[in-house]
Amino acid sequence: MSDNPTPGDELVERLRKLLSNAIGLPWQQKNEYEPDVIVGNVDGEIIDGTTHYSYDTVAECLDNPRTSAPLIVEAVNALPALLDELEALRTRDEAARSSTTGEEVADAVHEALWEADAENKRLREALEPFALVSSEGVVKNGAGHVTVTTCASYFHRAAEALQAKDHSHAG
């Protein structure tokens, strides 16, 4: 738990204390003939071919036992796992909050944008000749000047730009 307990932290602590003082889990309905009775600490053994059970009665659900008892049984049995999951999520959240400041996030975003911009520039340089080709062997540059070249030079420029990309990601 954090240094400043929240109402949620206090609830988790109360529920864990209640669980530790309650009759042992898992709980279950006693049987199909007594669905209103919830039991725990169920243990059984076979003596002379007959199963003998021992259990502790948890509660009786006198009002609407066919719906109340199953809900109580499932909710109580699920509670430890739900509390564990809640505490794990809170721990991860607290760790994330304490390890990352707004300035660190801004720096990371700025660096990622800078890298993306550099990558975009390299790819644009590599691919620009392909976009400017008006016919085979003729390239118009951005200023409108015409240069006669071969397709091999386009691929060479693209390969150089892509190699520069590979080297920038290797380091």
N, C-alpha and C. Protein backbone atom coordinates (compact mmCIF):
# COMPACT_ATOMS: atom_id res chain seq x y z
N MET A 1 0.83 -1.18 0.00
CA MET A 1 0.00 0.00 0.00
C MET A 1 0.88 1.24 0.00
N SER A 2 0.32 2.36 -0.44
CA SER A 2 1.09 3.60 -0.49
C SER A 2 1.22 4.20 0.90
N ASP A 3 2.05 5.24 0.97
CA ASP A 3 2.26 5.93 2.26
C ASP A 3 1.01 6.67 2.70
N ASN A 4 0.17 7.04 1.75
CA ASN A 4 -1.08 7.75 2.05
C ASN A 4 -2.24 6.85 1.70
N PRO A 5 -2.72 6.04 2.67
CA PRO A 5 -3.80 5.10 2.35
C PRO A 5 -5.06 5.81 1.87
N THR A 6 -5.67 5.22 0.87
CA THR A 6 -6.93 5.74 0.34
C THR A 6 -8.08 4.95 0.96
N PRO A 7 -9.31 5.40 0.77
CA PRO A 7 -10.44 4.59 1.24
C PRO A 7 -10.42 3.19 0.61
N GLY A 8 -9.95 3.08 -0.63
CA GLY A 8 -9.84 1.77 -1.27
C GLY A 8 -8.83 0.88 -0.56
N ASP A 9 -7.71 1.47 -0.15
CA ASP A 9 -6.70 0.70 0.59
C ASP A 9 -7.27 0.20 1.91
N GLU A 10 -8.00 1.06 2.57
CA GLU A 10 -8.60 0.68 3.86
C GLU A 10 -9.64 -0.42 3.68
N LEU A 11 -10.40 -0.35 2.60
CA LEU A 11 -11.39 -1.40 2.32
C LEU A 11 -10.70 -2.73 2.06
N VAL A 12 -9.63 -2.72 1.27
CA VAL A 12 -8.88 -3.94 1.00
C VAL A 12 -8.37 -4.54 2.31
N GLU A 13 -7.82 -3.71 3.15
CA GLU A 13 -7.30 -4.19 4.44
C GLU A 13 -8.41 -4.80 5.30
N ARG A 14 -9.57 -4.12 5.36
CA ARG A 14 -10.71 -4.65 6.14
C ARG A 14 -11.18 -5.99 5.58
N LEU A 15 -11.30 -6.08 4.26
CA LEU A 15 -11.76 -7.32 3.64
C LEU A 15 -10.78 -8.46 3.87
N ARG A 16 -9.49 -8.18 3.78
CA ARG A 16 -8.49 -9.23 4.03
C ARG A 16 -8.57 -9.70 5.49
N LYS A 17 -8.79 -8.77 6.41
CA LYS A 17 -8.90 -9.15 7.83
C LYS A 17 -10.15 -10.01 8.04
N LEU A 18 -11.26 -9.61 7.43
CA LEU A 18 -12.48 -10.40 7.55
C LEU A 18 -12.28 -11.80 6.97
N LEU A 19 -11.60 -11.89 5.82
CA LEU A 19 -11.34 -13.20 5.22
C LEU A 19 -10.46 -14.07 6.12
N SER A 20 -9.46 -13.45 6.75
CA SER A 20 -8.55 -14.24 7.58
C SER A 20 -9.26 -14.76 8.84
N ASN A 21 -10.29 -14.06 9.29
CA ASN A 21 -11.04 -14.48 10.48
C ASN A 21 -12.25 -15.35 10.15
N ALA A 22 -12.58 -15.47 8.87
CA ALA A 22 -13.77 -16.22 8.46
C ALA A 22 -13.47 -17.72 8.41
N ILE A 23 -14.52 -18.49 8.26
CA ILE A 23 -14.38 -19.93 8.06
C ILE A 23 -13.63 -20.15 6.75
N GLY A 24 -12.74 -21.14 6.73
CA GLY A 24 -11.85 -21.38 5.60
C GLY A 24 -12.54 -21.53 4.26
N LEU A 25 -11.90 -21.02 3.24
CA LEU A 25 -12.38 -21.12 1.87
C LEU A 25 -11.89 -22.43 1.25
N PRO A 26 -12.48 -22.91 0.21
CA PRO A 26 -13.64 -22.33 -0.47
C PRO A 26 -14.94 -22.66 0.26
N TRP A 27 -15.89 -21.77 0.06
CA TRP A 27 -17.22 -22.01 0.59
C TRP A 27 -18.04 -22.68 -0.51
N GLN A 28 -19.11 -23.34 -0.10
CA GLN A 28 -20.01 -23.97 -1.07
C GLN A 28 -21.39 -24.14 -0.45
N GLN A 29 -22.35 -24.37 -1.32
CA GLN A 29 -23.67 -24.73 -0.81
C GLN A 29 -23.57 -26.15 -0.29
N LYS A 30 -24.27 -26.41 0.82
CA LYS A 30 -24.12 -27.70 1.48
C LYS A 30 -24.44 -28.85 0.54
N ASN A 31 -25.61 -28.83 -0.07
CA ASN A 31 -25.99 -29.85 -1.04
C ASN A 31 -27.26 -29.40 -1.74
N GLU A 32 -27.74 -30.19 -2.68
CA GLU A 32 -28.92 -29.79 -3.44
C GLU A 32 -30.19 -29.80 -2.60
N TYR A 33 -30.19 -30.52 -1.49
CA TYR A 33 -31.37 -30.58 -0.63
C TYR A 33 -31.39 -29.45 0.39
N GLU A 34 -30.23 -28.87 0.65
CA GLU A 34 -30.13 -27.74 1.57
C GLU A 34 -29.34 -26.61 0.90
N PRO A 35 -29.91 -26.04 -0.18
CA PRO A 35 -29.17 -25.01 -0.92
C PRO A 35 -29.04 -23.70 -0.16
N ASP A 36 -29.83 -23.57 0.91
CA ASP A 36 -29.79 -22.34 1.69
C ASP A 36 -28.64 -22.34 2.69
N VAL A 37 -27.96 -23.47 2.88
CA VAL A 37 -26.88 -23.57 3.85
C VAL A 37 -25.55 -23.44 3.13
N ILE A 38 -24.73 -22.50 3.58
CA ILE A 38 -23.38 -22.29 3.04
C ILE A 38 -22.40 -22.87 4.05
N VAL A 39 -21.46 -23.69 3.54
CA VAL A 39 -20.49 -24.34 4.42
C VAL A 39 -19.07 -24.06 3.93
N GLY A 40 -18.12 -24.20 4.85
CA GLY A 40 -16.71 -24.03 4.53
C GLY A 40 -15.91 -25.07 5.30
N ASN A 41 -14.59 -25.05 5.12
CA ASN A 41 -13.71 -26.05 5.76
C ASN A 41 -14.20 -27.46 5.49
N VAL A 42 -14.64 -27.71 4.27
CA VAL A 42 -15.19 -29.02 3.93
C VAL A 42 -14.04 -30.01 3.81
N ASP A 43 -14.20 -31.13 4.46
CA ASP A 43 -13.21 -32.20 4.39
C ASP A 43 -13.98 -33.51 4.35
N GLY A 44 -13.48 -34.45 3.64
CA GLY A 44 -14.19 -35.71 3.56
C GLY A 44 -13.24 -36.89 3.53
N GLU A 45 -13.79 -38.01 3.96
CA GLU A 45 -13.02 -39.24 3.89
C GLU A 45 -13.98 -40.40 3.68
N ILE A 46 -13.46 -41.47 3.11
CA ILE A 46 -14.29 -42.65 2.85
C ILE A 46 -13.96 -43.70 3.90
N ILE A 47 -14.99 -44.11 4.62
CA ILE A 47 -14.84 -45.15 5.64
C ILE A 47 -15.82 -46.27 5.31
N ASP A 48 -15.30 -47.45 5.11
CA ASP A 48 -16.13 -48.61 4.77
C ASP A 48 -17.05 -48.32 3.58
N GLY A 49 -16.50 -47.65 2.55
CA GLY A 49 -17.25 -47.39 1.33
C GLY A 49 -18.23 -46.24 1.43
N THR A 50 -18.31 -45.58 2.58
CA THR A 50 -19.22 -44.46 2.75
C THR A 50 -18.39 -43.19 2.94
N THR A 51 -18.79 -42.13 2.23
CA THR A 51 -18.09 -40.85 2.37
C THR A 51 -18.64 -40.11 3.58
N HIS A 52 -17.75 -39.70 4.44
CA HIS A 52 -18.10 -38.91 5.62
C HIS A 52 -17.47 -37.53 5.47
N TYR A 53 -18.31 -36.52 5.65
CA TYR A 53 -17.84 -35.16 5.50
C TYR A 53 -17.84 -34.45 6.83
N SER A 54 -16.88 -33.54 6.94
CA SER A 54 -16.93 -32.59 8.05
C SER A 54 -16.91 -31.20 7.43
N TYR A 55 -17.56 -30.28 8.06
CA TYR A 55 -17.64 -28.92 7.53
C TYR A 55 -18.06 -27.99 8.66
N ASP A 56 -17.87 -26.71 8.40
CA ASP A 56 -18.36 -25.68 9.31
C ASP A 56 -19.45 -24.91 8.59
N THR A 57 -20.56 -24.70 9.26
CA THR A 57 -21.64 -23.93 8.66
C THR A 57 -21.27 -22.46 8.71
N VAL A 58 -21.37 -21.83 7.56
CA VAL A 58 -21.06 -20.41 7.44
C VAL A 58 -22.32 -19.59 7.69
N ALA A 59 -23.39 -19.92 6.97
CA ALA A 59 -24.62 -19.14 7.06
C ALA A 59 -25.77 -19.91 6.44
N GLU A 60 -26.97 -19.44 6.74
CA GLU A 60 -28.16 -19.93 6.07
C GLU A 60 -28.84 -18.74 5.42
N CYS A 61 -29.21 -18.92 4.18
CA CYS A 61 -29.88 -17.86 3.42
C CYS A 61 -31.36 -18.22 3.37
N LEU A 62 -32.11 -17.66 4.26
CA LEU A 62 -33.52 -18.04 4.36
C LEU A 62 -34.39 -17.37 3.30
N ASP A 63 -34.01 -16.19 2.88
CA ASP A 63 -34.77 -15.49 1.84
C ASP A 63 -34.15 -15.77 0.48
N ASN A 64 -34.89 -16.42 -0.38
CA ASN A 64 -34.48 -16.70 -1.75
C ASN A 64 -33.13 -17.43 -1.82
N PRO A 65 -33.01 -18.58 -1.20
CA PRO A 65 -31.72 -19.28 -1.10
C PRO A 65 -31.14 -19.73 -2.44
N ARG A 66 -31.97 -20.00 -3.43
CA ARG A 66 -31.45 -20.51 -4.71
C ARG A 66 -30.69 -19.44 -5.48
N THR A 67 -30.90 -18.16 -5.18
CA THR A 67 -30.14 -17.11 -5.84
C THR A 67 -29.14 -16.45 -4.89
N SER A 68 -29.48 -16.30 -3.64
CA SER A 68 -28.59 -15.62 -2.69
C SER A 68 -27.37 -16.47 -2.34
N ALA A 69 -27.57 -17.73 -2.03
CA ALA A 69 -26.46 -18.58 -1.60
C ALA A 69 -25.39 -18.72 -2.69
N PRO A 70 -25.77 -19.00 -3.94
CA PRO A 70 -24.71 -19.11 -4.97
C PRO A 70 -23.93 -17.81 -5.15
N LEU A 71 -24.62 -16.68 -5.07
CA LEU A 71 -23.93 -15.39 -5.19
C LEU A 71 -22.94 -15.19 -4.05
N ILE A 72 -23.36 -15.47 -2.85
CA ILE A 72 -22.47 -15.30 -1.70
C ILE A 72 -21.26 -16.22 -1.83
N VAL A 73 -21.50 -17.47 -2.19
CA VAL A 73 -20.41 -18.44 -2.33
C VAL A 73 -19.40 -17.96 -3.38
N GLU A 74 -19.90 -17.61 -4.57
CA GLU A 74 -18.99 -17.17 -5.65
C GLU A 74 -18.25 -15.90 -5.29
N ALA A 75 -18.95 -14.93 -4.71
CA ALA A 75 -18.32 -13.65 -4.37
C ALA A 75 -17.22 -13.83 -3.33
N VAL A 76 -17.49 -14.59 -2.29
CA VAL A 76 -16.50 -14.79 -1.24
C VAL A 76 -15.32 -15.60 -1.76
N ASN A 77 -15.58 -16.63 -2.56
CA ASN A 77 -14.48 -17.44 -3.10
C ASN A 77 -13.60 -16.64 -4.06
N ALA A 78 -14.19 -15.70 -4.78
CA ALA A 78 -13.42 -14.88 -5.74
C ALA A 78 -12.68 -13.73 -5.07
N LEU A 79 -13.10 -13.36 -3.88
CA LEU A 79 -12.56 -12.17 -3.23
C LEU A 79 -11.04 -12.16 -3.06
N PRO A 80 -10.38 -13.21 -2.61
CA PRO A 80 -8.92 -13.15 -2.46
C PRO A 80 -8.20 -12.83 -3.78
N ALA A 81 -8.60 -13.47 -4.85
CA ALA A 81 -7.96 -13.22 -6.15
C ALA A 81 -8.23 -11.79 -6.62
N LEU A 82 -9.44 -11.31 -6.41
CA LEU A 82 -9.76 -9.93 -6.80
C LEU A 82 -8.95 -8.92 -6.00
N LEU A 83 -8.79 -9.16 -4.72
CA LEU A 83 -7.98 -8.26 -3.89
C LEU A 83 -6.52 -8.30 -4.31
N ASP A 84 -6.00 -9.48 -4.62
CA ASP A 84 -4.61 -9.59 -5.10
C ASP A 84 -4.42 -8.81 -6.39
N GLU A 85 -5.37 -8.96 -7.31
CA GLU A 85 -5.28 -8.27 -8.60
C GLU A 85 -5.36 -6.76 -8.40
N LEU A 86 -6.25 -6.31 -7.53
CA LEU A 86 -6.38 -4.88 -7.25
C LEU A 86 -5.08 -4.33 -6.68
N GLU A 87 -4.48 -5.02 -5.74
CA GLU A 87 -3.24 -4.54 -5.15
C GLU A 87 -2.10 -4.56 -6.17
N ALA A 88 -2.05 -5.55 -7.04
CA ALA A 88 -1.01 -5.60 -8.07
C ALA A 88 -1.17 -4.42 -9.04
N LEU A 89 -2.39 -4.11 -9.43
CA LEU A 89 -2.63 -2.98 -10.32
C LEU A 89 -2.24 -1.67 -9.65
N ARG A 90 -2.56 -1.52 -8.39
CA ARG A 90 -2.18 -0.30 -7.67
C ARG A 90 -0.67 -0.18 -7.54
N THR A 91 -0.01 -1.28 -7.29
CA THR A 91 1.45 -1.26 -7.18
C THR A 91 2.08 -0.84 -8.50
N ARG A 92 1.60 -1.42 -9.61
CA ARG A 92 2.13 -1.04 -10.93
C ARG A 92 1.85 0.42 -11.22
N ASP A 93 0.66 0.89 -10.87
CA ASP A 93 0.30 2.28 -11.11
C ASP A 93 1.20 3.21 -10.31
N GLU A 94 1.41 2.91 -9.03
CA GLU A 94 2.28 3.75 -8.20
C GLU A 94 3.70 3.76 -8.74
N ALA A 95 4.20 2.61 -9.17
CA ALA A 95 5.56 2.53 -9.71
C ALA A 95 5.67 3.37 -10.98
N ALA A 96 4.68 3.29 -11.84
CA ALA A 96 4.70 4.07 -13.08
C ALA A 96 4.64 5.56 -12.79
N ARG A 97 3.81 5.94 -11.85
CA ARG A 97 3.69 7.36 -11.51
C ARG A 97 4.97 7.90 -10.89
N SER A 98 5.61 7.12 -10.04
CA SER A 98 6.79 7.62 -9.34
C SER A 98 8.04 7.58 -10.21
N SER A 99 8.05 6.74 -11.25
CA SER A 99 9.27 6.62 -12.04
C SER A 99 9.29 7.53 -13.27
N THR A 100 8.19 8.14 -13.63
CA THR A 100 8.14 8.96 -14.83
C THR A 100 7.59 10.34 -14.49
N THR A 101 8.40 11.36 -14.80
CA THR A 101 7.92 12.73 -14.58
C THR A 101 7.41 13.28 -15.90
N GLY A 102 6.71 14.38 -15.83
CA GLY A 102 6.21 15.03 -17.04
C GLY A 102 7.35 15.45 -17.96
N GLU A 103 8.45 15.91 -17.35
CA GLU A 103 9.60 16.32 -18.14
C GLU A 103 10.22 15.14 -18.88
N GLU A 104 10.29 13.98 -18.21
CA GLU A 104 10.82 12.78 -18.86
C GLU A 104 9.95 12.34 -20.03
N VAL A 105 8.64 12.44 -19.85
CA VAL A 105 7.73 12.08 -20.93
C VAL A 105 7.91 13.05 -22.10
N ALA A 106 8.01 14.35 -21.80
CA ALA A 106 8.19 15.34 -22.86
C ALA A 106 9.50 15.11 -23.60
N ASP A 107 10.57 14.78 -22.87
CA ASP A 107 11.86 14.50 -23.51
C ASP A 107 11.76 13.28 -24.41
N ALA A 108 11.10 12.23 -23.94
CA ALA A 108 10.96 11.02 -24.74
C ALA A 108 10.15 11.28 -26.00
N VAL A 109 9.08 12.04 -25.88
CA VAL A 109 8.26 12.38 -27.04
C VAL A 109 9.06 13.22 -28.02
N HIS A 110 9.82 14.21 -27.50
CA HIS A 110 10.64 15.07 -28.36
C HIS A 110 11.67 14.24 -29.12
N GLU A 111 12.34 13.32 -28.43
CA GLU A 111 13.35 12.47 -29.08
C GLU A 111 12.71 11.58 -30.14
N ALA A 112 11.55 11.00 -29.82
CA ALA A 112 10.87 10.15 -30.80
C ALA A 112 10.46 10.95 -32.03
N LEU A 113 9.99 12.17 -31.83
CA LEU A 113 9.62 13.02 -32.96
C LEU A 113 10.84 13.40 -33.80
N TRP A 114 11.94 13.70 -33.13
CA TRP A 114 13.18 14.05 -33.84
C TRP A 114 13.64 12.87 -34.68
N GLU A 115 13.63 11.65 -34.09
CA GLU A 115 14.03 10.45 -34.83
C GLU A 115 13.08 10.19 -36.01
N ALA A 116 11.80 10.39 -35.80
CA ALA A 116 10.84 10.18 -36.88
C ALA A 116 11.04 11.19 -37.99
N ASP A 117 11.35 12.43 -37.63
CA ASP A 117 11.60 13.47 -38.63
C ASP A 117 12.86 13.14 -39.44
N ALA A 118 13.93 12.70 -38.76
CA ALA A 118 15.16 12.32 -39.45
C ALA A 118 14.91 11.13 -40.38
N GLU A 119 14.15 10.18 -39.91
CA GLU A 119 13.81 9.00 -40.72
C GLU A 119 13.02 9.43 -41.96
N ASN A 120 12.06 10.31 -41.76
CA ASN A 120 11.24 10.81 -42.87
C ASN A 120 12.13 11.51 -43.90
N LYS A 121 13.09 12.31 -43.43
CA LYS A 121 13.99 13.04 -44.34
C LYS A 121 14.83 12.05 -45.15
N ARG A 122 15.39 11.02 -44.48
CA ARG A 122 16.21 10.03 -45.20
C ARG A 122 15.39 9.30 -46.26
N LEU A 123 14.19 8.89 -45.89
CA LEU A 123 13.35 8.18 -46.85
C LEU A 123 12.91 9.09 -48.00
N ARG A 124 12.63 10.35 -47.70
CA ARG A 124 12.24 11.29 -48.75
C ARG A 124 13.39 11.47 -49.74
N GLU A 125 14.62 11.62 -49.23
CA GLU A 125 15.77 11.76 -50.12
C GLU A 125 15.95 10.52 -50.99
N ALA A 126 15.73 9.36 -50.41
CA ALA A 126 15.91 8.12 -51.17
C ALA A 126 14.83 7.95 -52.23
N LEU A 127 13.63 8.35 -51.94
CA LEU A 127 12.51 8.08 -52.83
C LEU A 127 12.16 9.24 -53.77
N GLU A 128 12.69 10.43 -53.52
CA GLU A 128 12.34 11.59 -54.32
C GLU A 128 12.63 11.41 -55.81
N PRO A 129 13.76 10.82 -56.18
CA PRO A 129 13.99 10.65 -57.62
C PRO A 129 12.91 9.83 -58.31
N PHE A 130 12.40 8.82 -57.62
CA PHE A 130 11.35 7.99 -58.21
C PHE A 130 10.09 8.83 -58.46
N ALA A 131 9.82 9.72 -57.54
CA ALA A 131 8.62 10.54 -57.67
C ALA A 131 8.77 11.58 -58.77
N LEU A 132 10.00 12.03 -59.04
CA LEU A 132 10.21 13.10 -60.02
C LEU A 132 10.43 12.59 -61.45
N VAL A 133 10.52 11.27 -61.61
CA VAL A 133 10.77 10.73 -62.95
C VAL A 133 9.56 11.01 -63.85
N SER A 134 9.80 11.68 -64.96
CA SER A 134 8.70 11.90 -65.90
C SER A 134 8.76 10.91 -67.05
N SER A 135 9.94 10.39 -67.34
CA SER A 135 10.10 9.30 -68.31
C SER A 135 11.42 8.64 -67.97
N GLU A 136 11.64 7.45 -68.51
CA GLU A 136 12.84 6.71 -68.15
C GLU A 136 14.10 7.51 -68.47
N GLY A 137 14.96 7.66 -67.45
CA GLY A 137 16.24 8.32 -67.65
C GLY A 137 16.19 9.83 -67.49
N VAL A 138 15.02 10.41 -67.25
CA VAL A 138 14.93 11.86 -67.08
C VAL A 138 14.41 12.17 -65.69
N VAL A 139 15.15 12.99 -64.96
CA VAL A 139 14.74 13.37 -63.61
C VAL A 139 14.63 14.88 -63.57
N LYS A 140 13.52 15.37 -63.07
CA LYS A 140 13.35 16.80 -62.85
C LYS A 140 13.59 17.05 -61.38
N ASN A 141 14.52 17.93 -61.04
CA ASN A 141 14.74 18.22 -59.63
C ASN A 141 13.72 19.24 -59.17
N GLY A 142 13.77 19.56 -57.88
CA GLY A 142 12.78 20.46 -57.31
C GLY A 142 12.76 21.83 -57.97
N ALA A 143 13.91 22.29 -58.50
CA ALA A 143 13.97 23.61 -59.12
C ALA A 143 13.54 23.57 -60.58
N GLY A 144 13.21 22.39 -61.11
CA GLY A 144 12.75 22.28 -62.48
C GLY A 144 13.84 21.93 -63.47
N HIS A 145 15.10 21.81 -63.04
CA HIS A 145 16.19 21.43 -63.93
C HIS A 145 16.08 19.96 -64.30
N VAL A 146 16.45 19.63 -65.50
CA VAL A 146 16.36 18.26 -65.98
C VAL A 146 17.75 17.64 -65.97
N THR A 147 17.85 16.43 -65.42
CA THR A 147 19.10 15.68 -65.43
C THR A 147 18.80 14.33 -66.07
N VAL A 148 19.65 13.94 -67.01
CA VAL A 148 19.49 12.63 -67.63
C VAL A 148 20.35 11.66 -66.85
N THR A 149 19.77 10.56 -66.45
CA THR A 149 20.48 9.57 -65.65
C THR A 149 19.95 8.19 -65.99
N THR A 150 20.38 7.19 -65.26
CA THR A 150 19.88 5.83 -65.49
C THR A 150 19.12 5.39 -64.25
N CYS A 151 18.34 4.34 -64.40
CA CYS A 151 17.59 3.81 -63.26
C CYS A 151 18.53 3.32 -62.15
N ALA A 152 19.72 2.87 -62.53
CA ALA A 152 20.66 2.36 -61.52
C ALA A 152 21.00 3.43 -60.50
N SER A 153 21.11 4.68 -60.91
CA SER A 153 21.46 5.73 -59.94
C SER A 153 20.32 5.96 -58.93
N TYR A 154 19.07 5.75 -59.34
CA TYR A 154 17.96 5.88 -58.40
C TYR A 154 18.09 4.84 -57.29
N PHE A 155 18.34 3.61 -57.72
CA PHE A 155 18.43 2.52 -56.75
C PHE A 155 19.64 2.69 -55.84
N HIS A 156 20.74 3.23 -56.41
CA HIS A 156 21.94 3.47 -55.61
C HIS A 156 21.64 4.49 -54.50
N ARG A 157 20.97 5.61 -54.85
CA ARG A 157 20.61 6.62 -53.84
C ARG A 157 19.68 6.04 -52.77
N ALA A 158 18.73 5.23 -53.21
CA ALA A 158 17.80 4.62 -52.25
C ALA A 158 18.55 3.68 -51.31
N ALA A 159 19.47 2.87 -51.85
CA ALA A 159 20.24 1.95 -51.02
C ALA A 159 21.08 2.71 -50.00
N GLU A 160 21.72 3.82 -50.43
CA GLU A 160 22.53 4.61 -49.50
C GLU A 160 21.68 5.17 -48.36
N ALA A 161 20.51 5.69 -48.69
CA ALA A 161 19.64 6.26 -47.66
C ALA A 161 19.15 5.18 -46.70
N LEU A 162 18.82 4.02 -47.23
CA LEU A 162 18.34 2.95 -46.36
C LEU A 162 19.47 2.39 -45.50
N GLN A 163 20.70 2.35 -46.02
CA GLN A 163 21.83 1.92 -45.19
C GLN A 163 22.06 2.91 -44.06
N ALA A 164 21.92 4.20 -44.33
CA ALA A 164 22.06 5.21 -43.28
C ALA A 164 21.00 4.99 -42.21
N LYS A 165 19.80 4.62 -42.62
CA LYS A 165 18.72 4.32 -41.66
C LYS A 165 19.10 3.13 -40.80
N ASP A 166 19.63 2.05 -41.43
CA ASP A 166 20.01 0.86 -40.67
C ASP A 166 21.10 1.17 -39.67
N HIS A 167 22.07 1.99 -40.05
CA HIS A 167 23.16 2.33 -39.14
C HIS A 167 22.68 3.20 -37.99
N SER A 168 21.72 4.08 -38.24
CA SER A 168 21.22 4.95 -37.17
C SER A 168 20.44 4.15 -36.13
N HIS A 169 19.78 3.06 -36.53
CA HIS A 169 19.02 2.22 -35.58
C HIS A 169 19.90 1.22 -34.86
N ALA A 170 21.09 0.92 -35.42
CA ALA A 170 21.98 -0.06 -34.78
C ALA A 170 22.62 0.52 -33.53
N GLY A 171 22.80 1.82 -33.43
CA GLY A 171 23.50 2.43 -32.30
C GLY A 171 22.65 2.82 -31.21
